Amino acid sequence: MGTADLHIHSTYSDDGTVTVRGVLKQAASVGLDVIAICDHDEIRGSLEARELASSYGLEAIPAVEITAWEGHILALFIEQLIPADLTLVETLLRIRDLGGIAIAPHPVNPLPKSLPLHALEYALAHERARQVLKGIEMYNMGHEIFTRQVKQLASELPLARIGSSDSHIHWTIGSGRTGFEGHTVDDLRAAIENRTTIPIPAPYSFSLRPIINWMGMVLLRRFGYVSDNPDPEKPMLIRRMALAR
């Protein structure tokens, strides 16, 4: 069985803290087969990752996290950027025209810009839009209350069940992942289309640690400290400052 993390942010996102090479290095170190860098309304990171991924023994999907009017939606297998602030249905139709598929990230979640249930139901009732909306994140960074809610929701919707990290810092990459038969991008897409994916949760419960770590790194990034060579054996602040010199 292969594994994928389909929701990772790089420094192409304003709130990302790891370069594309850093993402690929960490993804390889935790044994992932496929990744998707889904930066906020920005596709360059995922296209860069696709070009570099084979050097790390991985495959990368061109992707983006689009800000639709109702909330965020992950677009996979597209190579052009879709404008933000369109309606969810219009966004899904644009993804369809580009040959892609979509996954609902952190739905019905208190996180900003999470899709509400009524938006998902409306999209699935739309004849063409439902051909594009293929998956729902069941696991996202170990949010236990969120997971219980989405498990119930996922059992009622005709969507593949996805596990993702939504990682903005290097050490959470792969903390939530999706299992699938095979190991390639094509195998993964087939599994999503056929709803045979297996969501794999993070091996730990949600805590404030990743949030505090991420906030500190975002502040450092504003002063130009960015790493593409993360070293988990050293404290984060010392490592990044040393590499920036």
Protein backbone atom coordinates (compact mmCIF):
# COMPACT_ATOMS: atom_id res chain seq x y z
CA MET A 1 0.00 0.00 0.00
CA GLY A 2 1.21 3.47 -0.89
CA THR A 3 0.71 6.59 1.19
CA ALA A 4 0.15 10.22 0.26
CA ASP A 5 -0.15 13.56 2.00
CA LEU A 6 -2.41 15.67 -0.19
CA HIS A 7 -2.47 18.90 1.78
CA ILE A 8 0.93 20.49 2.45
CA HIS A 9 1.90 24.17 2.41
CA SER A 10 5.23 25.59 1.29
CA THR A 11 6.72 29.08 1.44
CA TYR A 12 4.64 29.94 -1.61
CA SER A 13 1.83 30.29 0.95
CA ASP A 14 2.04 33.40 3.09
CA ASP A 15 1.70 31.22 6.19
CA GLY A 16 3.99 28.40 5.02
CA THR A 17 7.47 28.03 6.51
CA VAL A 18 9.19 25.27 4.50
CA THR A 19 10.62 25.56 0.98
CA VAL A 20 9.56 23.12 -1.72
CA ARG A 21 12.84 21.23 -1.39
CA GLY A 22 12.33 21.09 2.36
CA VAL A 23 8.85 19.63 1.87
CA LEU A 24 10.18 16.98 -0.49
CA LYS A 25 13.07 16.05 1.80
CA GLN A 26 10.80 15.64 4.81
CA ALA A 27 8.15 13.75 2.80
CA ALA A 28 10.80 11.29 1.64
CA SER A 29 12.14 10.87 5.17
CA VAL A 30 8.72 9.84 6.51
CA GLY A 31 8.12 7.34 3.72
CA LEU A 32 5.47 9.02 1.61
CA ASP A 33 5.02 7.97 -2.03
CA VAL A 34 2.97 10.93 -3.29
CA ILE A 35 2.48 14.49 -2.09
CA ALA A 36 0.45 17.51 -3.14
CA ILE A 37 1.61 20.98 -2.20
CA CYS A 38 -1.62 22.95 -1.93
CA ASP A 39 -0.62 26.53 -1.33
CA HIS A 40 -3.25 29.21 -0.82
CA ASP A 41 -4.36 30.46 -4.24
CA GLU A 42 -0.88 29.76 -5.58
CA ILE A 43 0.21 26.90 -7.84
CA ARG A 44 3.92 27.55 -8.40
CA GLY A 45 5.05 25.47 -5.43
CA SER A 46 3.25 22.37 -6.61
CA LEU A 47 4.59 22.72 -10.15
CA GLU A 48 8.11 23.12 -8.78
CA ALA A 49 7.59 20.05 -6.58
CA ARG A 50 6.49 17.98 -9.56
CA GLU A 51 9.72 18.81 -11.38
CA LEU A 52 11.94 18.01 -8.38
CA ALA A 53 10.08 15.10 -6.80
CA SER A 54 11.81 12.25 -8.64
CA SER A 55 15.14 13.33 -7.14
CA TYR A 56 13.66 12.50 -3.72
CA GLY A 57 12.03 9.21 -4.76
CA LEU A 58 8.55 10.75 -4.75
CA GLU A 59 5.81 11.83 -7.10
CA ALA A 60 4.05 15.18 -6.71
CA ILE A 61 0.62 16.25 -7.93
CA PRO A 62 0.07 19.75 -9.30
CA ALA A 63 -2.46 21.27 -6.92
CA VAL A 64 -3.71 24.36 -5.11
CA GLU A 65 -5.95 25.29 -2.18
CA ILE A 66 -8.50 27.63 -3.71
CA THR A 67 -10.43 30.17 -1.70
CA ALA A 68 -13.98 29.80 -3.01
CA TRP A 69 -16.66 32.17 -1.76
CA GLU A 70 -18.02 29.53 0.66
CA GLY A 71 -14.62 28.27 1.82
CA HIS A 72 -11.45 26.44 0.85
CA ILE A 73 -11.34 23.60 -1.68
CA LEU A 74 -8.32 21.52 -2.76
CA ALA A 75 -7.89 21.20 -6.52
CA LEU A 76 -5.69 18.29 -7.60
CA PHE A 77 -4.30 17.48 -11.06
CA ILE A 78 -4.62 21.00 -12.45
CA GLU A 79 -1.83 23.07 -13.97
CA GLN A 80 -3.43 26.50 -14.15
CA LEU A 81 -4.45 28.76 -11.30
CA ILE A 82 -8.18 29.27 -10.81
CA PRO A 83 -9.28 32.68 -9.48
CA ALA A 84 -10.29 33.03 -5.84
CA ASP A 85 -13.72 34.12 -4.60
CA LEU A 86 -15.80 32.31 -7.19
CA THR A 87 -18.70 30.27 -5.84
CA LEU A 88 -17.90 26.68 -4.87
CA VAL A 89 -19.89 25.30 -7.79
CA GLU A 90 -18.21 27.63 -10.28
CA THR A 91 -14.82 26.70 -8.82
CA LEU A 92 -15.57 23.00 -9.18
CA LEU A 93 -16.64 23.50 -12.78
CA ARG A 94 -13.36 25.31 -13.50
CA ILE A 95 -11.46 22.38 -11.94
CA ARG A 96 -13.45 20.00 -14.12
CA ASP A 97 -12.57 21.97 -17.26
CA LEU A 98 -8.87 21.63 -16.35
CA GLY A 99 -9.14 17.86 -15.91
CA GLY A 100 -8.80 17.93 -12.14
CA ILE A 101 -10.61 16.61 -9.11
CA ALA A 102 -11.42 18.27 -5.78
CA ILE A 103 -11.23 17.42 -2.09
CA ALA A 104 -13.01 19.28 0.72
CA PRO A 105 -10.37 20.18 3.34
CA HIS A 106 -11.22 20.52 7.05
CA PRO A 107 -14.99 20.83 6.36
CA VAL A 108 -17.50 21.90 9.03
CA ASN A 109 -14.54 23.01 11.13
CA PRO A 110 -14.12 26.20 13.16
CA LEU A 111 -10.98 26.93 11.14
CA PRO A 112 -11.47 30.03 8.98
CA LYS A 113 -12.74 29.37 5.48
CA SER A 114 -13.86 25.79 6.13
CA LEU A 115 -16.72 24.65 3.91
CA PRO A 116 -20.06 24.36 5.75
CA LEU A 117 -22.25 21.30 5.32
CA HIS A 118 -24.87 23.10 3.25
CA ALA A 119 -22.21 24.11 0.68
CA LEU A 120 -21.08 20.50 0.28
CA GLU A 121 -24.65 19.28 -0.06
CA TYR A 122 -25.42 21.94 -2.67
CA ALA A 123 -22.32 21.03 -4.70
CA LEU A 124 -23.16 17.32 -4.57
CA ALA A 125 -26.68 18.07 -5.77
CA HIS A 126 -25.28 19.87 -8.82
CA GLU A 127 -25.04 17.43 -11.74
CA ARG A 128 -21.67 18.56 -13.06
CA ALA A 129 -20.07 19.80 -9.85
CA ARG A 130 -20.49 16.44 -8.12
CA GLN A 131 -18.44 14.81 -10.89
CA VAL A 132 -15.47 16.82 -9.62
CA LEU A 133 -15.87 16.77 -5.83
CA LYS A 134 -14.33 13.39 -5.06
CA GLY A 135 -12.99 13.44 -1.51
CA ILE A 136 -13.36 14.77 2.01
CA GLU A 137 -10.64 15.16 4.64
CA MET A 138 -11.54 12.87 7.51
CA TYR A 139 -8.26 13.50 9.35
CA ASN A 140 -6.45 16.82 9.43
CA MET A 141 -3.64 17.32 11.95
CA GLY A 142 -5.22 15.25 14.72
CA HIS A 143 -8.12 17.56 15.63
CA GLU A 144 -10.10 15.04 17.71
CA ILE A 145 -13.42 16.91 17.94
CA PHE A 146 -13.28 17.73 14.26
CA THR A 147 -12.49 14.11 13.42
CA ARG A 148 -15.57 12.81 15.24
CA GLN A 149 -17.79 15.23 13.37
CA VAL A 150 -16.32 14.47 9.97
CA LYS A 151 -16.42 10.70 10.47
CA GLN A 152 -20.18 10.96 10.78
CA LEU A 153 -20.39 13.32 7.82
CA ALA A 154 -18.15 11.15 5.64
CA SER A 155 -20.29 8.10 6.31
CA GLU A 156 -23.24 9.93 4.77
CA LEU A 157 -21.57 11.44 1.69
CA PRO A 158 -20.43 9.68 -1.53
CA LEU A 159 -16.83 10.86 -1.20
CA ALA A 160 -13.42 9.24 -0.83
CA ARG A 161 -12.07 9.49 2.71
CA ILE A 162 -8.80 11.38 2.89
CA GLY A 163 -6.20 11.85 5.61
CA SER A 164 -3.92 14.88 5.34
CA SER A 165 -1.55 16.90 7.48
CA ASP A 166 -2.43 20.44 6.31
CA SER A 167 1.19 20.98 7.28
CA HIS A 168 2.67 24.47 7.49
CA ILE A 169 5.84 23.30 9.34
CA HIS A 170 8.26 20.57 8.33
CA TRP A 171 7.82 18.08 11.17
CA THR A 172 4.06 17.66 10.68
CA ILE A 173 4.37 16.58 7.03
CA GLY A 174 2.83 13.11 6.71
CA SER A 175 1.26 13.30 10.17
CA GLY A 176 -2.08 12.63 8.50
CA ARG A 177 -1.96 10.60 5.31
CA THR A 178 -4.00 8.64 2.77
CA GLY A 179 -3.41 4.98 2.04
CA PHE A 180 -4.09 3.56 -1.42
CA GLU A 181 -3.43 0.46 -3.50
CA GLY A 182 -0.27 0.94 -5.53
CA HIS A 183 2.37 3.63 -5.23
CA THR A 184 1.99 6.06 -8.13
CA VAL A 185 0.05 9.24 -8.83
CA ASP A 186 -2.15 7.31 -11.27
CA ASP A 187 -2.84 4.65 -8.64
CA LEU A 188 -3.80 7.34 -6.16
CA ARG A 189 -6.18 9.09 -8.54
CA ALA A 190 -7.88 5.79 -9.33
CA ALA A 191 -8.29 5.06 -5.62
CA ILE A 192 -9.86 8.49 -5.02
CA GLU A 193 -12.17 8.08 -7.99
CA ASN A 194 -13.23 4.61 -6.79
CA ARG A 195 -13.46 5.67 -3.13
CA THR A 196 -11.05 2.98 -1.95
CA THR A 197 -8.65 5.28 -0.09
CA ILE A 198 -7.87 4.68 3.58
CA PRO A 199 -7.49 7.75 5.83
CA ILE A 200 -4.63 7.32 8.29
CA PRO A 201 -4.69 9.64 11.32
CA ALA A 202 -1.77 11.32 13.00
CA PRO A 203 -0.10 9.10 15.63
CA TYR A 204 -0.67 11.74 18.30
CA SER A 205 -3.50 13.85 19.66
CA PHE A 206 -3.88 17.52 18.84
CA SER A 207 -1.89 19.91 21.01
CA LEU A 208 -0.79 23.53 21.03
CA ARG A 209 2.78 22.58 20.13
CA PRO A 210 2.42 22.72 16.31
CA ILE A 211 0.51 26.00 16.54
CA ILE A 212 3.15 27.66 18.73
CA ASN A 213 5.96 26.24 16.58
CA TRP A 214 4.28 27.46 13.41
CA MET A 215 3.64 30.96 14.78
CA GLY A 216 7.28 31.32 15.77
CA MET A 217 8.45 30.19 12.35
CA VAL A 218 6.09 32.57 10.56
CA LEU A 219 7.57 35.42 12.57
CA LEU A 220 11.09 34.28 11.66
CA ARG A 221 10.11 34.05 8.02
CA ARG A 222 9.16 37.71 8.05
CA PHE A 223 12.78 38.44 8.91
CA GLY A 224 14.00 36.27 6.03
CA TYR A 225 14.78 33.03 7.90
CA VAL A 226 13.69 30.20 5.60
CA SER A 227 15.11 26.66 5.56
CA ASP A 228 15.09 23.98 2.90
CA ASN A 229 17.18 21.66 5.04
CA PRO A 230 15.23 20.99 8.26
CA ASP A 231 17.08 19.20 11.03
CA PRO A 232 14.68 17.80 13.65
CA GLU A 233 17.56 17.18 16.10
CA LYS A 234 18.12 20.89 16.76
CA PRO A 235 15.77 23.46 18.33
CA MET A 236 13.75 25.20 15.65
CA LEU A 237 14.76 28.81 16.39
CA ILE A 238 18.51 28.08 16.57
CA ARG A 239 18.43 25.95 13.43
CA ARG A 240 16.68 28.50 11.28
CA MET A 241 18.73 31.46 12.48
CA ALA A 242 21.97 29.56 11.93
CA LEU A 243 21.00 28.58 8.41
CA ALA A 244 20.06 32.13 7.56
CA ARG A 245 23.54 33.52 8.27
